[in-house]
Amino acid sequence: IRGMAKAINNVNDAISMKNDIPKYYFDRAMAFQAIGDFPSAINDLDICISLDPTMSDAYYKRGVIRYISGLNEAACIDLSKAIDLGNTNAIDIIRVYCK
């Protein structure tokens, strides 16, 4: 957890200097996911997607986190969007969990 806290702090510093870089929010979301802070991860992925609505990995990761969080319908929408944007990682997940 200490390593993730440091990663989060580093990204916070980067965001404070330039807050319109989608990758910063994506990276911080992955750190939040790693420590189990799913609401913060989803929030950062929301920001990431608002800055770059074509970032398929952001939809994919948000879909996975939403599924883990019990938000199945929203998860399937995100996973479907990830596929539409070319993310093939979501295909198997959507086949199994989104009927």
Protein backbone atom coordinates (compact mmCIF):
# COMPACT_ATOMS: atom_id res chain seq x y z
CA ILE A 1 0.00 0.00 0.00
CA ARG A 2 2.89 2.37 0.71
CA GLY A 3 4.03 2.12 -2.92
CA MET A 4 0.54 2.92 -4.17
CA ALA A 5 0.24 5.88 -1.81
CA LYS A 6 3.49 7.23 -3.22
CA ALA A 7 2.22 6.64 -6.76
CA ILE A 8 -1.01 8.48 -5.95
CA ASN A 9 0.96 11.40 -4.48
CA ASN A 10 3.18 11.55 -7.56
CA VAL A 11 0.17 11.67 -9.86
CA ASN A 12 -1.49 14.26 -7.62
CA ASP A 13 1.59 16.43 -8.11
CA ALA A 14 1.43 15.95 -11.88
CA ILE A 15 -2.29 16.79 -11.95
CA SER A 16 -1.69 19.93 -9.89
CA MET A 17 0.68 21.13 -12.61
CA LYS A 18 -1.40 20.04 -15.62
CA ASN A 19 -4.92 18.76 -14.98
CA ASP A 20 -6.02 17.97 -18.53
CA ILE A 21 -3.92 14.87 -19.21
CA PRO A 22 -6.17 11.77 -19.32
CA LYS A 23 -3.27 9.40 -18.61
CA TYR A 24 -2.67 11.01 -15.22
CA TYR A 25 -6.22 10.18 -14.13
CA PHE A 26 -5.97 6.70 -15.61
CA ASP A 27 -2.74 6.02 -13.73
CA ARG A 28 -4.17 7.30 -10.46
CA ALA A 29 -7.31 5.21 -11.00
CA MET A 30 -5.15 2.10 -11.36
CA ALA A 31 -3.39 2.95 -8.09
CA PHE A 32 -6.75 3.47 -6.36
CA GLN A 33 -7.95 0.14 -7.76
CA ALA A 34 -4.82 -1.57 -6.42
CA ILE A 35 -5.59 -0.41 -2.87
CA GLY A 36 -9.30 -1.25 -3.18
CA ASP A 37 -10.59 2.33 -3.35
CA PHE A 38 -13.05 1.61 -6.13
CA PRO A 39 -15.15 4.81 -5.84
CA SER A 40 -12.03 6.96 -6.30
CA ALA A 41 -10.89 4.77 -9.19
CA ILE A 42 -14.27 5.13 -10.91
CA ASN A 43 -14.23 8.89 -10.33
CA ASP A 44 -10.79 9.22 -11.92
CA LEU A 45 -11.86 7.07 -14.86
CA ASP A 46 -14.92 9.30 -15.28
CA ILE A 47 -12.57 12.29 -15.56
CA CYS A 48 -10.25 10.39 -17.89
CA ILE A 49 -13.15 9.53 -20.20
CA SER A 50 -14.46 13.10 -20.14
CA LEU A 51 -11.00 14.28 -21.27
CA ASP A 52 -10.59 11.51 -23.88
CA PRO A 53 -13.84 9.75 -24.81
CA THR A 54 -11.94 7.46 -27.19
CA MET A 55 -9.69 5.86 -24.54
CA SER A 56 -10.87 2.26 -24.68
CA ASP A 57 -8.73 1.15 -21.72
CA ALA A 58 -10.52 3.65 -19.49
CA TYR A 59 -13.92 2.18 -20.40
CA TYR A 60 -12.55 -1.33 -19.98
CA LYS A 61 -11.07 -0.68 -16.55
CA ARG A 62 -14.12 1.26 -15.38
CA GLY A 63 -16.30 -1.62 -16.53
CA VAL A 64 -14.23 -4.14 -14.59
CA ILE A 65 -14.22 -1.99 -11.45
CA ARG A 66 -17.95 -1.35 -11.74
CA TYR A 67 -18.55 -5.08 -12.06
CA ILE A 68 -16.44 -5.77 -8.95
CA SER A 69 -18.46 -3.05 -7.20
CA GLY A 70 -21.76 -4.71 -8.08
CA LEU A 71 -22.74 -2.17 -10.73
CA ASN A 72 -23.35 -4.85 -13.34
CA GLU A 73 -25.52 -2.93 -15.81
CA ALA A 74 -23.14 0.05 -15.90
CA ALA A 75 -20.21 -2.37 -16.17
CA CYS A 76 -21.67 -4.04 -19.24
CA ILE A 77 -22.29 -0.67 -20.90
CA ASP A 78 -18.65 0.29 -20.30
CA LEU A 79 -17.32 -3.03 -21.52
CA SER A 80 -19.46 -2.78 -24.65
CA LYS A 81 -18.12 0.74 -25.30
CA ALA A 82 -14.56 -0.55 -24.81
CA ILE A 83 -15.20 -3.18 -27.47
CA ASP A 84 -16.69 -0.55 -29.81
CA LEU A 85 -13.46 1.41 -29.39
CA GLY A 86 -11.36 -1.64 -30.27
CA ASN A 87 -10.49 -3.10 -26.87
CA THR A 88 -10.50 -6.86 -27.39
CA ASN A 89 -9.79 -7.58 -23.69
CA ALA A 90 -13.43 -6.86 -22.92
CA ILE A 91 -14.84 -9.48 -25.31
CA ASP A 92 -14.45 -12.54 -23.08
CA ILE A 93 -15.58 -10.68 -19.98
CA ILE A 94 -18.72 -9.37 -21.64
CA ARG A 95 -19.56 -12.85 -22.98
CA VAL A 96 -19.42 -14.34 -19.49
CA TYR A 97 -20.90 -11.57 -17.33
CA CYS A 98 -23.19 -9.57 -19.60
CA LYS A 99 -26.09 -11.61 -20.91
